[in-house]
Amino acid sequence: MKTGLRILIFTATILFLSATAFTQPKAEEPKLERTSIDLNDPEYLNLTFDDILAKYHGKVIYLDFWASWCGPCKREMPHSQELQETFYNKDVVFVYMSSDKTAGPWVAAMDKLNLTGEHYRASYDVKMDYAKRFNLRFIPRYVLIDKKGNVAYDNAKRPSDPNVVKDIEDLL
């Protein structure tokens, strides 16, 4: 009886050790964070749209023009989050330009939607700059900028469009 129990314990131990020896460690979960800057705050009033873009020179920029009151904008956000995870640790930055008139709804929407990425609440001057630059008349609107700072797609695909991944990859 003792021999049978020893064989059973030995076999169970070998099975356990062999199972744990061949398990792959989990891939590192993306640690996406949010940065938010209100360009209407006095300390940022002199920050221009070009200053913002220059901060990300050398990276592909996926620009997302949105607002907290825009239903289609908010429906795209989970897909945008998936894109961020797809391009985690690659030379791609996701920049969100909100046209919210006040900070409260903007902050509340970012919190409620658990948004990550680089977020800006645009000042009047910055809004006028990008509206003119991209002939922006509606939101949501997306723009892809290459690593050299050139506009690759001034009307890029939405985050929910599976082909946007290829468009971004082509710019890397």
N, C-alpha and C. Protein backbone atom coordinates (compact mmCIF):
# COMPACT_ATOMS: atom_id res chain seq x y z
N MET A 1 0.82 -1.19 0.00
CA MET A 1 0.00 0.00 0.00
C MET A 1 0.86 1.25 0.00
N LYS A 2 1.94 1.22 0.85
CA LYS A 2 2.83 2.37 0.89
C LYS A 2 3.50 2.59 -0.46
N THR A 3 3.85 1.53 -1.13
CA THR A 3 4.50 1.64 -2.42
C THR A 3 3.55 2.28 -3.44
N GLY A 4 2.31 1.89 -3.44
CA GLY A 4 1.32 2.46 -4.35
C GLY A 4 1.11 3.94 -4.11
N LEU A 5 1.09 4.35 -2.84
CA LEU A 5 0.93 5.76 -2.49
C LEU A 5 2.15 6.56 -2.92
N ARG A 6 3.33 5.98 -2.73
CA ARG A 6 4.57 6.66 -3.16
C ARG A 6 4.59 6.84 -4.68
N ILE A 7 4.18 5.83 -5.39
CA ILE A 7 4.16 5.92 -6.85
C ILE A 7 3.17 7.00 -7.29
N LEU A 8 2.02 7.04 -6.64
CA LEU A 8 1.00 8.04 -6.96
C LEU A 8 1.52 9.45 -6.69
N ILE A 9 2.14 9.67 -5.54
CA ILE A 9 2.70 10.99 -5.20
C ILE A 9 3.83 11.35 -6.16
N PHE A 10 4.69 10.40 -6.47
CA PHE A 10 5.80 10.64 -7.39
C PHE A 10 5.27 11.02 -8.77
N THR A 11 4.28 10.28 -9.26
CA THR A 11 3.70 10.55 -10.58
C THR A 11 3.04 11.93 -10.61
N ALA A 12 2.29 12.26 -9.56
CA ALA A 12 1.64 13.57 -9.49
C ALA A 12 2.66 14.69 -9.48
N THR A 13 3.76 14.50 -8.73
CA THR A 13 4.82 15.51 -8.67
C THR A 13 5.46 15.71 -10.04
N ILE A 14 5.77 14.62 -10.72
CA ILE A 14 6.39 14.71 -12.05
C ILE A 14 5.44 15.41 -13.02
N LEU A 15 4.17 15.06 -13.00
CA LEU A 15 3.20 15.71 -13.88
C LEU A 15 3.11 17.21 -13.60
N PHE A 16 3.08 17.58 -12.34
CA PHE A 16 3.00 19.00 -11.96
C PHE A 16 4.23 19.75 -12.44
N LEU A 17 5.41 19.20 -12.18
CA LEU A 17 6.65 19.86 -12.57
C LEU A 17 6.77 19.97 -14.09
N SER A 18 6.39 18.94 -14.81
CA SER A 18 6.50 19.01 -16.26
C SER A 18 5.49 20.00 -16.84
N ALA A 19 4.33 20.09 -16.23
CA ALA A 19 3.33 21.05 -16.72
C ALA A 19 3.79 22.48 -16.51
N THR A 20 4.38 22.78 -15.35
CA THR A 20 4.83 24.15 -15.08
C THR A 20 6.10 24.48 -15.84
N ALA A 21 6.90 23.49 -16.18
CA ALA A 21 8.15 23.76 -16.90
C ALA A 21 7.90 24.24 -18.31
N PHE A 22 6.79 23.83 -18.91
CA PHE A 22 6.54 24.16 -20.30
C PHE A 22 5.52 25.27 -20.51
N THR A 23 5.04 25.86 -19.44
CA THR A 23 4.11 26.97 -19.61
C THR A 23 4.88 28.23 -19.96
N GLN A 24 4.35 28.96 -20.91
CA GLN A 24 4.96 30.20 -21.35
C GLN A 24 4.59 31.31 -20.38
N PRO A 25 5.53 32.18 -20.06
CA PRO A 25 5.15 33.33 -19.24
C PRO A 25 4.20 34.21 -20.05
N LYS A 26 3.26 34.83 -19.36
CA LYS A 26 2.30 35.69 -20.03
C LYS A 26 3.01 36.89 -20.63
N ALA A 27 2.54 37.29 -21.81
CA ALA A 27 3.08 38.50 -22.43
C ALA A 27 2.73 39.68 -21.53
N GLU A 28 3.61 40.65 -21.52
CA GLU A 28 3.38 41.82 -20.68
C GLU A 28 2.14 42.57 -21.15
N GLU A 29 1.26 42.84 -20.22
CA GLU A 29 0.06 43.60 -20.53
C GLU A 29 0.46 45.04 -20.84
N PRO A 30 -0.12 45.63 -21.89
CA PRO A 30 0.18 47.03 -22.14
C PRO A 30 -0.23 47.90 -20.96
N LYS A 31 0.67 48.80 -20.57
CA LYS A 31 0.37 49.72 -19.47
C LYS A 31 0.09 51.09 -20.08
N LEU A 32 -1.09 51.21 -20.62
CA LEU A 32 -1.46 52.45 -21.28
C LEU A 32 -1.85 53.49 -20.24
N GLU A 33 -1.41 54.69 -20.47
CA GLU A 33 -1.69 55.78 -19.54
C GLU A 33 -2.35 56.93 -20.28
N ARG A 34 -2.87 57.86 -19.51
CA ARG A 34 -3.50 59.05 -20.09
C ARG A 34 -2.75 60.28 -19.62
N THR A 35 -2.49 61.15 -20.58
CA THR A 35 -1.99 62.48 -20.31
C THR A 35 -3.06 63.44 -20.79
N SER A 36 -3.41 64.41 -19.98
CA SER A 36 -4.42 65.37 -20.42
C SER A 36 -3.97 66.79 -20.09
N ILE A 37 -4.06 67.63 -21.11
CA ILE A 37 -3.67 69.04 -20.98
C ILE A 37 -4.81 69.90 -21.51
N ASP A 38 -5.23 70.84 -20.68
CA ASP A 38 -6.27 71.78 -21.07
C ASP A 38 -5.57 73.02 -21.62
N LEU A 39 -5.64 73.18 -22.92
CA LEU A 39 -4.95 74.30 -23.57
C LEU A 39 -5.59 75.64 -23.25
N ASN A 40 -6.68 75.63 -22.50
CA ASN A 40 -7.32 76.86 -22.05
C ASN A 40 -6.78 77.33 -20.71
N ASP A 41 -5.99 76.50 -20.05
CA ASP A 41 -5.34 76.91 -18.80
C ASP A 41 -4.28 77.95 -19.12
N PRO A 42 -4.14 78.97 -18.27
CA PRO A 42 -3.19 80.05 -18.54
C PRO A 42 -1.77 79.57 -18.87
N GLU A 43 -1.31 78.51 -18.22
CA GLU A 43 0.06 78.06 -18.47
C GLU A 43 0.25 77.46 -19.86
N TYR A 44 -0.86 77.09 -20.53
CA TYR A 44 -0.75 76.47 -21.86
C TYR A 44 -1.31 77.33 -22.98
N LEU A 45 -1.73 78.55 -22.68
CA LEU A 45 -2.36 79.39 -23.70
C LEU A 45 -1.46 79.68 -24.90
N ASN A 46 -0.16 79.67 -24.70
CA ASN A 46 0.76 79.96 -25.80
C ASN A 46 1.17 78.71 -26.58
N LEU A 47 0.70 77.55 -26.17
CA LEU A 47 1.02 76.31 -26.86
C LEU A 47 0.21 76.24 -28.15
N THR A 48 0.90 76.06 -29.26
CA THR A 48 0.23 76.01 -30.57
C THR A 48 0.03 74.56 -31.00
N PHE A 49 -0.76 74.40 -32.04
CA PHE A 49 -0.97 73.06 -32.60
C PHE A 49 0.35 72.50 -33.13
N ASP A 50 1.17 73.35 -33.75
CA ASP A 50 2.49 72.91 -34.22
C ASP A 50 3.37 72.45 -33.07
N ASP A 51 3.29 73.14 -31.93
CA ASP A 51 4.05 72.72 -30.75
C ASP A 51 3.65 71.31 -30.32
N ILE A 52 2.36 71.06 -30.35
CA ILE A 52 1.85 69.74 -29.96
C ILE A 52 2.38 68.67 -30.91
N LEU A 53 2.27 68.92 -32.21
CA LEU A 53 2.74 67.94 -33.19
C LEU A 53 4.25 67.73 -33.08
N ALA A 54 5.00 68.80 -32.85
CA ALA A 54 6.46 68.70 -32.75
C ALA A 54 6.89 67.80 -31.59
N LYS A 55 6.09 67.77 -30.55
CA LYS A 55 6.39 66.93 -29.39
C LYS A 55 6.51 65.46 -29.79
N TYR A 56 5.80 65.06 -30.84
CA TYR A 56 5.74 63.66 -31.24
C TYR A 56 6.51 63.38 -32.54
N HIS A 57 7.39 64.31 -32.93
CA HIS A 57 8.17 64.12 -34.16
C HIS A 57 8.96 62.81 -34.07
N GLY A 58 8.99 62.08 -35.15
CA GLY A 58 9.68 60.79 -35.18
C GLY A 58 8.75 59.63 -34.89
N LYS A 59 7.49 59.94 -34.62
CA LYS A 59 6.48 58.90 -34.38
C LYS A 59 5.33 59.09 -35.36
N VAL A 60 4.64 58.01 -35.64
CA VAL A 60 3.40 58.10 -36.39
C VAL A 60 2.35 58.66 -35.43
N ILE A 61 1.60 59.65 -35.88
CA ILE A 61 0.58 60.28 -35.03
C ILE A 61 -0.80 59.95 -35.60
N TYR A 62 -1.64 59.38 -34.75
CA TYR A 62 -3.04 59.14 -35.10
C TYR A 62 -3.84 60.19 -34.33
N LEU A 63 -4.29 61.21 -35.05
CA LEU A 63 -5.05 62.31 -34.46
C LEU A 63 -6.53 61.98 -34.46
N ASP A 64 -7.16 62.21 -33.33
CA ASP A 64 -8.59 61.96 -33.17
C ASP A 64 -9.24 63.25 -32.68
N PHE A 65 -10.07 63.84 -33.53
CA PHE A 65 -10.81 65.05 -33.16
C PHE A 65 -12.18 64.62 -32.67
N TRP A 66 -12.52 65.00 -31.45
CA TRP A 66 -13.72 64.49 -30.81
C TRP A 66 -14.26 65.50 -29.81
N ALA A 67 -15.39 65.15 -29.17
CA ALA A 67 -15.96 65.93 -28.06
C ALA A 67 -16.80 64.99 -27.20
N SER A 68 -16.98 65.37 -25.96
CA SER A 68 -17.71 64.53 -25.01
C SER A 68 -19.18 64.38 -25.37
N TRP A 69 -19.73 65.33 -26.10
CA TRP A 69 -21.15 65.31 -26.47
C TRP A 69 -21.41 64.55 -27.77
N CYS A 70 -20.37 64.08 -28.42
CA CYS A 70 -20.47 63.44 -29.74
C CYS A 70 -20.61 61.92 -29.58
N GLY A 71 -21.81 61.41 -29.83
CA GLY A 71 -22.07 59.98 -29.71
C GLY A 71 -21.18 59.11 -30.57
N PRO A 72 -21.06 59.41 -31.89
CA PRO A 72 -20.18 58.59 -32.73
C PRO A 72 -18.71 58.63 -32.25
N CYS A 73 -18.29 59.77 -31.73
CA CYS A 73 -16.91 59.88 -31.21
C CYS A 73 -16.72 58.89 -30.06
N LYS A 74 -17.66 58.89 -29.14
CA LYS A 74 -17.55 58.03 -27.95
C LYS A 74 -17.65 56.55 -28.32
N ARG A 75 -18.46 56.23 -29.33
CA ARG A 75 -18.58 54.83 -29.74
C ARG A 75 -17.29 54.29 -30.35
N GLU A 76 -16.46 55.17 -30.89
CA GLU A 76 -15.18 54.75 -31.48
C GLU A 76 -14.09 54.54 -30.43
N MET A 77 -14.27 55.10 -29.25
CA MET A 77 -13.20 55.06 -28.25
C MET A 77 -12.76 53.65 -27.84
N PRO A 78 -13.65 52.68 -27.65
CA PRO A 78 -13.15 51.33 -27.33
C PRO A 78 -12.27 50.75 -28.45
N HIS A 79 -12.61 51.07 -29.69
CA HIS A 79 -11.80 50.61 -30.82
C HIS A 79 -10.45 51.33 -30.83
N SER A 80 -10.46 52.58 -30.46
CA SER A 80 -9.22 53.34 -30.37
C SER A 80 -8.32 52.74 -29.29
N GLN A 81 -8.92 52.33 -28.19
CA GLN A 81 -8.17 51.67 -27.12
C GLN A 81 -7.51 50.40 -27.65
N GLU A 82 -8.24 49.62 -28.44
CA GLU A 82 -7.69 48.40 -29.03
C GLU A 82 -6.51 48.73 -29.94
N LEU A 83 -6.63 49.81 -30.71
CA LEU A 83 -5.51 50.23 -31.57
C LEU A 83 -4.29 50.57 -30.74
N GLN A 84 -4.50 51.28 -29.63
CA GLN A 84 -3.38 51.61 -28.75
C GLN A 84 -2.69 50.34 -28.26
N GLU A 85 -3.48 49.34 -27.91
CA GLU A 85 -2.90 48.08 -27.44
C GLU A 85 -2.16 47.37 -28.57
N THR A 86 -2.70 47.42 -29.78
CA THR A 86 -2.05 46.80 -30.94
C THR A 86 -0.68 47.43 -31.20
N PHE A 87 -0.58 48.73 -31.04
CA PHE A 87 0.66 49.44 -31.35
C PHE A 87 1.45 49.82 -30.10
N TYR A 88 1.19 49.14 -29.00
CA TYR A 88 1.91 49.39 -27.75
C TYR A 88 3.40 49.13 -27.97
N ASN A 89 4.23 50.03 -27.48
CA ASN A 89 5.70 49.95 -27.59
C ASN A 89 6.19 50.06 -29.03
N LYS A 90 5.40 50.66 -29.89
CA LYS A 90 5.83 50.94 -31.26
C LYS A 90 5.82 52.45 -31.41
N ASP A 91 6.38 52.94 -32.50
CA ASP A 91 6.50 54.38 -32.70
C ASP A 91 5.19 55.00 -33.20
N VAL A 92 4.13 54.80 -32.43
CA VAL A 92 2.82 55.37 -32.75
C VAL A 92 2.29 56.05 -31.50
N VAL A 93 1.78 57.25 -31.67
CA VAL A 93 1.16 57.97 -30.55
C VAL A 93 -0.27 58.33 -30.94
N PHE A 94 -1.17 58.22 -29.99
CA PHE A 94 -2.58 58.54 -30.21
C PHE A 94 -2.87 59.85 -29.51
N VAL A 95 -3.22 60.86 -30.31
CA VAL A 95 -3.44 62.22 -29.80
C VAL A 95 -4.91 62.57 -30.02
N TYR A 96 -5.55 62.96 -28.94
CA TYR A 96 -6.98 63.26 -28.95
C TYR A 96 -7.18 64.75 -28.70
N MET A 97 -7.83 65.42 -29.65
CA MET A 97 -8.10 66.85 -29.55
C MET A 97 -9.59 67.05 -29.33
N SER A 98 -9.94 67.48 -28.13
CA SER A 98 -11.34 67.69 -27.79
C SER A 98 -11.76 69.12 -28.09
N SER A 99 -12.96 69.26 -28.63
CA SER A 99 -13.50 70.60 -28.88
C SER A 99 -14.53 70.98 -27.82
N ASP A 100 -14.51 70.30 -26.68
CA ASP A 100 -15.42 70.65 -25.59
C ASP A 100 -15.19 72.10 -25.16
N LYS A 101 -16.28 72.82 -24.90
CA LYS A 101 -16.17 74.23 -24.52
C LYS A 101 -15.72 74.41 -23.08
N THR A 102 -16.06 73.44 -22.23
CA THR A 102 -15.65 73.52 -20.82
C THR A 102 -14.95 72.23 -20.42
N ALA A 103 -14.15 72.32 -19.38
CA ALA A 103 -13.32 71.19 -18.97
C ALA A 103 -14.12 70.07 -18.31
N GLY A 104 -15.18 70.41 -17.58
CA GLY A 104 -15.93 69.41 -16.81
C GLY A 104 -16.39 68.21 -17.63
N PRO A 105 -17.15 68.43 -18.71
CA PRO A 105 -17.61 67.30 -19.51
C PRO A 105 -16.47 66.52 -20.16
N TRP A 106 -15.42 67.22 -20.55
CA TRP A 106 -14.24 66.59 -21.16
C TRP A 106 -13.61 65.61 -20.17
N VAL A 107 -13.33 66.08 -18.96
CA VAL A 107 -12.71 65.23 -17.94
C VAL A 107 -13.64 64.07 -17.58
N ALA A 108 -14.93 64.36 -17.43
CA ALA A 108 -15.89 63.31 -17.07
C ALA A 108 -15.95 62.22 -18.14
N ALA A 109 -15.92 62.62 -19.41
CA ALA A 109 -15.96 61.63 -20.49
C ALA A 109 -14.68 60.79 -20.51
N MET A 110 -13.53 61.43 -20.30
CA MET A 110 -12.28 60.66 -20.26
C MET A 110 -12.31 59.64 -19.14
N ASP A 111 -12.84 60.06 -17.99
CA ASP A 111 -12.92 59.14 -16.84
C ASP A 111 -13.93 58.02 -17.09
N LYS A 112 -15.11 58.39 -17.56
CA LYS A 112 -16.17 57.40 -17.77
C LYS A 112 -15.76 56.36 -18.81
N LEU A 113 -15.10 56.81 -19.87
CA LEU A 113 -14.69 55.92 -20.95
C LEU A 113 -13.33 55.27 -20.69
N ASN A 114 -12.71 55.64 -19.56
CA ASN A 114 -11.40 55.09 -19.18
C ASN A 114 -10.38 55.28 -20.31
N LEU A 115 -10.30 56.51 -20.81
CA LEU A 115 -9.47 56.79 -21.97
C LEU A 115 -8.00 56.89 -21.60
N THR A 116 -7.18 56.42 -22.53
CA THR A 116 -5.73 56.55 -22.41
C THR A 116 -5.24 57.29 -23.65
N GLY A 117 -3.97 57.62 -23.67
CA GLY A 117 -3.40 58.36 -24.79
C GLY A 117 -3.12 59.80 -24.39
N GLU A 118 -2.82 60.61 -25.38
CA GLU A 118 -2.47 62.01 -25.18
C GLU A 118 -3.70 62.86 -25.48
N HIS A 119 -4.27 63.48 -24.45
CA HIS A 119 -5.52 64.23 -24.60
C HIS A 119 -5.30 65.73 -24.39
N TYR A 120 -5.93 66.51 -25.28
CA TYR A 120 -5.87 67.96 -25.20
C TYR A 120 -7.29 68.51 -25.35
N ARG A 121 -7.62 69.48 -24.52
CA ARG A 121 -8.85 70.26 -24.76
C ARG A 121 -8.39 71.52 -25.44
N ALA A 122 -8.80 71.65 -26.69
CA ALA A 122 -8.26 72.70 -27.54
C ALA A 122 -8.75 74.09 -27.15
N SER A 123 -7.83 75.03 -27.21
CA SER A 123 -8.18 76.44 -27.06
C SER A 123 -8.78 76.92 -28.38
N TYR A 124 -9.35 78.10 -28.36
CA TYR A 124 -9.96 78.66 -29.57
C TYR A 124 -8.94 78.73 -30.70
N ASP A 125 -7.75 79.25 -30.41
CA ASP A 125 -6.73 79.41 -31.46
C ASP A 125 -6.30 78.07 -32.04
N VAL A 126 -6.11 77.08 -31.19
CA VAL A 126 -5.71 75.76 -31.67
C VAL A 126 -6.82 75.14 -32.52
N LYS A 127 -8.08 75.30 -32.08
CA LYS A 127 -9.22 74.78 -32.86
C LYS A 127 -9.25 75.42 -34.25
N MET A 128 -9.07 76.73 -34.29
CA MET A 128 -9.10 77.42 -35.58
C MET A 128 -7.96 76.95 -36.48
N ASP A 129 -6.80 76.71 -35.89
CA ASP A 129 -5.64 76.24 -36.65
C ASP A 129 -5.93 74.88 -37.28
N TYR A 130 -6.33 73.90 -36.47
CA TYR A 130 -6.52 72.58 -37.06
C TYR A 130 -7.78 72.50 -37.92
N ALA A 131 -8.79 73.30 -37.62
CA ALA A 131 -9.99 73.31 -38.47
C ALA A 131 -9.63 73.79 -39.87
N LYS A 132 -8.81 74.82 -39.94
CA LYS A 132 -8.38 75.35 -41.24
C LYS A 132 -7.42 74.38 -41.93
N ARG A 133 -6.46 73.88 -41.19
CA ARG A 133 -5.43 73.00 -41.74
C ARG A 133 -6.01 71.73 -42.36
N PHE A 134 -7.01 71.14 -41.71
CA PHE A 134 -7.58 69.88 -42.17
C PHE A 134 -8.99 70.03 -42.74
N ASN A 135 -9.42 71.28 -42.95
CA ASN A 135 -10.77 71.54 -43.43
C ASN A 135 -11.78 70.77 -42.58
N LEU A 136 -11.61 70.88 -41.28
CA LEU A 136 -12.40 70.13 -40.31
C LEU A 136 -13.76 70.78 -40.13
N ARG A 137 -14.80 70.07 -40.52
CA ARG A 137 -16.16 70.61 -40.42
C ARG A 137 -17.07 69.74 -39.58
N PHE A 138 -16.60 68.55 -39.22
CA PHE A 138 -17.41 67.63 -38.43
C PHE A 138 -16.49 66.74 -37.60
N ILE A 139 -17.07 66.15 -36.57
CA ILE A 139 -16.36 65.15 -35.78
C ILE A 139 -17.26 63.93 -35.66
N PRO A 140 -16.72 62.76 -35.46
CA PRO A 140 -15.29 62.48 -35.32
C PRO A 140 -14.57 62.61 -36.65
N ARG A 141 -13.32 62.91 -36.53
CA ARG A 141 -12.44 63.03 -37.70
C ARG A 141 -11.08 62.54 -37.27
N TYR A 142 -10.40 61.87 -38.18
CA TYR A 142 -9.11 61.25 -37.87
C TYR A 142 -8.10 61.64 -38.93
N VAL A 143 -6.86 61.84 -38.49
CA VAL A 143 -5.77 62.22 -39.37
C VAL A 143 -4.56 61.38 -38.99
N LEU A 144 -3.85 60.87 -40.00
CA LEU A 144 -2.61 60.13 -39.77
C LEU A 144 -1.44 60.96 -40.27
N ILE A 145 -0.44 61.12 -39.42
CA ILE A 145 0.76 61.89 -39.75
C ILE A 145 1.95 60.95 -39.66
N ASP A 146 2.82 61.00 -40.67
CA ASP A 146 3.97 60.09 -40.68
C ASP A 146 5.07 60.56 -39.74
N LYS A 147 6.14 59.77 -39.65
CA LYS A 147 7.23 60.05 -38.70
C LYS A 147 7.96 61.36 -39.01
N LYS A 148 7.88 61.82 -40.25
CA LYS A 148 8.55 63.07 -40.63
C LYS A 148 7.66 64.29 -40.41
N GLY A 149 6.43 64.06 -39.98
CA GLY A 149 5.52 65.17 -39.72
C GLY A 149 4.64 65.53 -40.89
N ASN A 150 4.65 64.70 -41.93
CA ASN A 150 3.80 64.94 -43.10
C ASN A 150 2.44 64.27 -42.92
N VAL A 151 1.40 64.95 -43.38
CA VAL A 151 0.06 64.37 -43.31
C VAL A 151 -0.02 63.25 -44.34
N ALA A 152 -0.23 62.03 -43.88
CA ALA A 152 -0.35 60.87 -44.76
C ALA A 152 -1.80 60.68 -45.20
N TYR A 153 -2.72 60.84 -44.26
CA TYR A 153 -4.16 60.72 -44.52
C TYR A 153 -4.86 61.83 -43.76
N ASP A 154 -5.44 62.79 -44.49
CA ASP A 154 -6.13 63.88 -43.79
C ASP A 154 -7.57 63.51 -43.43
N ASN A 155 -8.02 62.36 -43.91
CA ASN A 155 -9.32 61.82 -43.52
C ASN A 155 -9.13 60.32 -43.30
N ALA A 156 -8.37 59.99 -42.27
CA ALA A 156 -7.99 58.60 -42.00
C ALA A 156 -9.20 57.77 -41.59
N LYS A 157 -9.02 56.48 -41.67
CA LYS A 157 -10.08 55.55 -41.29
C LYS A 157 -10.35 55.63 -39.79
N ARG A 158 -11.59 55.32 -39.43
CA ARG A 158 -11.99 55.29 -38.02
C ARG A 158 -11.29 54.13 -37.31
N PRO A 159 -11.15 54.21 -36.00
CA PRO A 159 -10.55 53.11 -35.26
C PRO A 159 -11.29 51.78 -35.43
N SER A 160 -12.59 51.82 -35.69
CA SER A 160 -13.36 50.58 -35.86
C SER A 160 -13.16 49.93 -37.22
N ASP A 161 -12.53 50.63 -38.15
CA ASP A 161 -12.27 50.07 -39.48
C ASP A 161 -11.03 49.19 -39.41
N PRO A 162 -11.16 47.89 -39.69
CA PRO A 162 -10.00 47.00 -39.56
C PRO A 162 -8.83 47.38 -40.47
N ASN A 163 -9.09 48.13 -41.54
CA ASN A 163 -8.02 48.51 -42.46
C ASN A 163 -7.13 49.62 -41.92
N VAL A 164 -7.53 50.26 -40.83
CA VAL A 164 -6.71 51.32 -40.26
C VAL A 164 -5.39 50.76 -39.74
N VAL A 165 -5.40 49.51 -39.29
CA VAL A 165 -4.16 48.88 -38.79
C VAL A 165 -3.11 48.86 -39.90
N LYS A 166 -3.50 48.46 -41.11
CA LYS A 166 -2.56 48.43 -42.23
C LYS A 166 -2.05 49.83 -42.56
N ASP A 167 -2.95 50.80 -42.54
CA ASP A 167 -2.53 52.18 -42.83
C ASP A 167 -1.46 52.65 -41.84
N ILE A 168 -1.64 52.33 -40.57
CA ILE A 168 -0.66 52.72 -39.56
C ILE A 168 0.63 51.93 -39.76
N GLU A 169 0.52 50.62 -39.97
CA GLU A 169 1.72 49.79 -40.17
C GLU A 169 2.54 50.26 -41.36
N ASP A 170 1.87 50.70 -42.42
CA ASP A 170 2.57 51.18 -43.61
C ASP A 170 3.42 52.42 -43.32
N LEU A 171 3.09 53.14 -42.26
CA LEU A 171 3.83 54.36 -41.92
C LEU A 171 4.97 54.10 -40.95
N LEU A 172 5.03 52.91 -40.39
CA LEU A 172 6.10 52.60 -39.42
C LEU A 172 7.44 52.32 -40.11
